[in-house]
Amino acid sequence: MSAEDLERYETEQELALYREYRDVVGLFSHVVETERRFYLCNDVDLQVRGEGSEVFFDVRMTDAWVWDVYRPARFVKKVRVITFKDVNVEEIAKSDIEIPKGDTFPG
């Protein structure tokens, strides 16, 4: 497999993932971003644990979809993430969802 073939394959996989995201985003109420993953979910519980400089985040999600090109099944019933890095949680306002209809990948 040439480098060009590999690059084409990765581009196709990313486009397929974007299309899947576009199709499912309206099913979810929250976006959760961690340092490693991007999730869509319908329920999220974020707890700050520890004291002083030993603080970490315990994030639990249910009915989630994971943005991960290499994951064969992106729908997950329950997810738990423990991290010392920042976590961003946003509620999706249904009026904010305006996904382009075409097959072009943004960016």
C-alpha atoms as a PDB file:
ATOM      1  CA  MET A   1       0.000   0.000   0.000  1.00  0.00           C
ATOM      2  CA  SER A   2       1.483   3.310  -1.022  1.00  0.00           C
ATOM      3  CA  ALA A   3       1.486   6.456   1.087  1.00  0.00           C
ATOM      4  CA  GLU A   4      -1.033   7.943  -1.348  1.00  0.00           C
ATOM      5  CA  ASP A   5      -3.354   4.943  -0.924  1.00  0.00           C
ATOM      6  CA  LEU A   6      -3.104   5.227   2.846  1.00  0.00           C
ATOM      7  CA  GLU A   7      -3.840   8.947   2.750  1.00  0.00           C
ATOM      8  CA  ARG A   8      -6.845   8.382   0.479  1.00  0.00           C
ATOM      9  CA  TYR A   9      -8.149   5.648   2.827  1.00  0.00           C
ATOM     10  CA  GLU A  10      -7.793   7.919   5.887  1.00  0.00           C
ATOM     11  CA  THR A  11      -9.552  10.764   4.082  1.00  0.00           C
ATOM     12  CA  GLU A  12     -12.434   8.459   3.133  1.00  0.00           C
ATOM     13  CA  GLN A  13     -12.717   7.229   6.725  1.00  0.00           C
ATOM     14  CA  GLU A  14     -12.804  10.797   8.084  1.00  0.00           C
ATOM     15  CA  LEU A  15     -15.464  11.789   5.560  1.00  0.00           C
ATOM     16  CA  ALA A  16     -17.575   8.742   6.501  1.00  0.00           C
ATOM     17  CA  LEU A  17     -17.231   9.681  10.188  1.00  0.00           C
ATOM     18  CA  TYR A  18     -18.300  13.261   9.477  1.00  0.00           C
ATOM     19  CA  ARG A  19     -21.323  11.996   7.552  1.00  0.00           C
ATOM     20  CA  GLU A  20     -22.257   9.752  10.462  1.00  0.00           C
ATOM     21  CA  TYR A  21     -21.878  12.688  12.876  1.00  0.00           C
ATOM     22  CA  ARG A  22     -24.092  14.806  10.655  1.00  0.00           C
ATOM     23  CA  ASP A  23     -26.733  12.076  10.677  1.00  0.00           C
ATOM     24  CA  VAL A  24     -26.754  11.484  14.463  1.00  0.00           C
ATOM     25  CA  VAL A  25     -26.068  14.876  16.075  1.00  0.00           C
ATOM     26  CA  GLY A  26     -29.778  15.683  16.278  1.00  0.00           C
ATOM     27  CA  LEU A  27     -30.351  12.624  18.471  1.00  0.00           C
ATOM     28  CA  PHE A  28     -28.260  13.994  21.353  1.00  0.00           C
ATOM     29  CA  SER A  29     -28.555  16.767  23.923  1.00  0.00           C
ATOM     30  CA  HIS A  30     -24.923  17.277  25.016  1.00  0.00           C
ATOM     31  CA  VAL A  31     -21.432  17.605  23.580  1.00  0.00           C
ATOM     32  CA  VAL A  32     -18.520  16.528  25.780  1.00  0.00           C
ATOM     33  CA  GLU A  33     -14.909  17.182  24.830  1.00  0.00           C
ATOM     34  CA  THR A  34     -11.949  15.684  26.661  1.00  0.00           C
ATOM     35  CA  GLU A  35      -8.270  15.792  25.737  1.00  0.00           C
ATOM     36  CA  ARG A  36      -8.640  12.473  23.900  1.00  0.00           C
ATOM     37  CA  ARG A  37     -12.195  12.238  22.578  1.00  0.00           C
ATOM     38  CA  PHE A  38     -15.310  14.081  21.439  1.00  0.00           C
ATOM     39  CA  TYR A  39     -18.669  12.656  22.540  1.00  0.00           C
ATOM     40  CA  LEU A  40     -22.321  13.280  21.866  1.00  0.00           C
ATOM     41  CA  CYS A  41     -24.597  12.060  24.657  1.00  0.00           C
ATOM     42  CA  ASN A  42     -28.010  12.450  26.232  1.00  0.00           C
ATOM     43  CA  ASP A  43     -26.950  12.470  29.871  1.00  0.00           C
ATOM     44  CA  VAL A  44     -23.695  13.651  31.415  1.00  0.00           C
ATOM     45  CA  ASP A  45     -22.536  13.837  35.023  1.00  0.00           C
ATOM     46  CA  LEU A  46     -19.299  15.753  35.664  1.00  0.00           C
ATOM     47  CA  GLN A  47     -17.757  15.485  39.129  1.00  0.00           C
ATOM     48  CA  VAL A  48     -14.617  17.255  40.322  1.00  0.00           C
ATOM     49  CA  ARG A  49     -12.658  14.967  42.646  1.00  0.00           C
ATOM     50  CA  GLY A  50      -9.598  15.450  44.827  1.00  0.00           C
ATOM     51  CA  GLU A  51      -8.097  18.442  46.599  1.00  0.00           C
ATOM     52  CA  GLY A  52      -5.610  21.214  45.847  1.00  0.00           C
ATOM     53  CA  SER A  53      -3.308  20.340  42.971  1.00  0.00           C
ATOM     54  CA  GLU A  54      -4.541  16.715  42.951  1.00  0.00           C
ATOM     55  CA  VAL A  55      -7.869  17.541  41.250  1.00  0.00           C
ATOM     56  CA  PHE A  56      -9.275  15.304  38.521  1.00  0.00           C
ATOM     57  CA  PHE A  57     -12.534  15.059  36.610  1.00  0.00           C
ATOM     58  CA  ASP A  58     -14.851  12.058  36.695  1.00  0.00           C
ATOM     59  CA  VAL A  59     -17.193  12.227  33.689  1.00  0.00           C
ATOM     60  CA  ARG A  60     -20.021   9.727  33.211  1.00  0.00           C
ATOM     61  CA  MET A  61     -22.169   9.668  30.092  1.00  0.00           C
ATOM     62  CA  THR A  62     -25.064   7.525  28.948  1.00  0.00           C
ATOM     63  CA  ASP A  63     -26.390   6.920  25.453  1.00  0.00           C
ATOM     64  CA  ALA A  64     -23.222   8.254  23.846  1.00  0.00           C
ATOM     65  CA  TRP A  65     -21.703   8.462  20.387  1.00  0.00           C
ATOM     66  CA  VAL A  66     -17.893   8.668  20.144  1.00  0.00           C
ATOM     67  CA  TRP A  67     -15.992  10.587  17.447  1.00  0.00           C
ATOM     68  CA  ASP A  68     -13.287   8.017  16.694  1.00  0.00           C
ATOM     69  CA  VAL A  69     -12.338   6.941  13.182  1.00  0.00           C
ATOM     70  CA  TYR A  70     -10.808   3.657  14.341  1.00  0.00           C
ATOM     71  CA  ARG A  71     -13.659   2.516  16.586  1.00  0.00           C
ATOM     72  CA  PRO A  72     -15.872  -0.098  14.895  1.00  0.00           C
ATOM     73  CA  ALA A  73     -18.943   0.691  17.045  1.00  0.00           C
ATOM     74  CA  ARG A  74     -19.342   4.331  17.973  1.00  0.00           C
ATOM     75  CA  PHE A  75     -22.606   4.050  19.930  1.00  0.00           C
ATOM     76  CA  VAL A  76     -21.960   3.318  23.602  1.00  0.00           C
ATOM     77  CA  LYS A  77     -24.524   2.730  26.359  1.00  0.00           C
ATOM     78  CA  LYS A  78     -22.288   4.035  29.204  1.00  0.00           C
ATOM     79  CA  VAL A  79     -18.965   5.855  29.201  1.00  0.00           C
ATOM     80  CA  ARG A  80     -16.761   6.854  32.115  1.00  0.00           C
ATOM     81  CA  VAL A  81     -13.757   9.126  31.640  1.00  0.00           C
ATOM     82  CA  ILE A  82     -11.256   9.968  34.393  1.00  0.00           C
ATOM     83  CA  THR A  83      -8.919  12.815  33.439  1.00  0.00           C
ATOM     84  CA  PHE A  84      -6.635  15.449  34.921  1.00  0.00           C
ATOM     85  CA  LYS A  85      -7.090  17.597  31.796  1.00  0.00           C
ATOM     86  CA  ASP A  86      -9.845  20.073  30.935  1.00  0.00           C
ATOM     87  CA  VAL A  87     -13.326  18.827  30.133  1.00  0.00           C
ATOM     88  CA  ASN A  88     -15.830  20.857  28.130  1.00  0.00           C
ATOM     89  CA  VAL A  89     -19.551  20.077  28.462  1.00  0.00           C
ATOM     90  CA  GLU A  90     -22.150  21.892  26.390  1.00  0.00           C
ATOM     91  CA  GLU A  91     -25.870  21.452  26.069  1.00  0.00           C
ATOM     92  CA  ILE A  92     -26.918  21.413  22.431  1.00  0.00           C
ATOM     93  CA  ALA A  93     -29.686  23.863  21.645  1.00  0.00           C
ATOM     94  CA  LYS A  94     -31.686  22.283  18.852  1.00  0.00           C
ATOM     95  CA  SER A  95     -31.726  25.625  17.056  1.00  0.00           C
ATOM     96  CA  ASP A  96     -27.875  25.509  17.017  1.00  0.00           C
ATOM     97  CA  ILE A  97     -27.832  22.376  14.886  1.00  0.00           C
ATOM     98  CA  GLU A  98     -27.440  23.506  11.331  1.00  0.00           C
ATOM     99  CA  ILE A  99     -25.431  20.853   9.545  1.00  0.00           C
ATOM    100  CA  PRO A 100     -24.661  21.372   5.845  1.00  0.00           C
ATOM    101  CA  LYS A 101     -26.485  18.917   3.602  1.00  0.00           C
ATOM    102  CA  GLY A 102     -23.615  18.344   1.162  1.00  0.00           C
ATOM    103  CA  ASP A 103     -20.911  15.709   1.400  1.00  0.00           C
ATOM    104  CA  THR A 104     -18.054  18.136   1.869  1.00  0.00           C
ATOM    105  CA  PHE A 105     -15.948  17.892   5.003  1.00  0.00           C
ATOM    106  CA  PRO A 106     -15.609  21.226   6.854  1.00  0.00           C
ATOM    107  CA  GLY A 107     -12.213  22.773   7.325  1.00  0.00           C
END
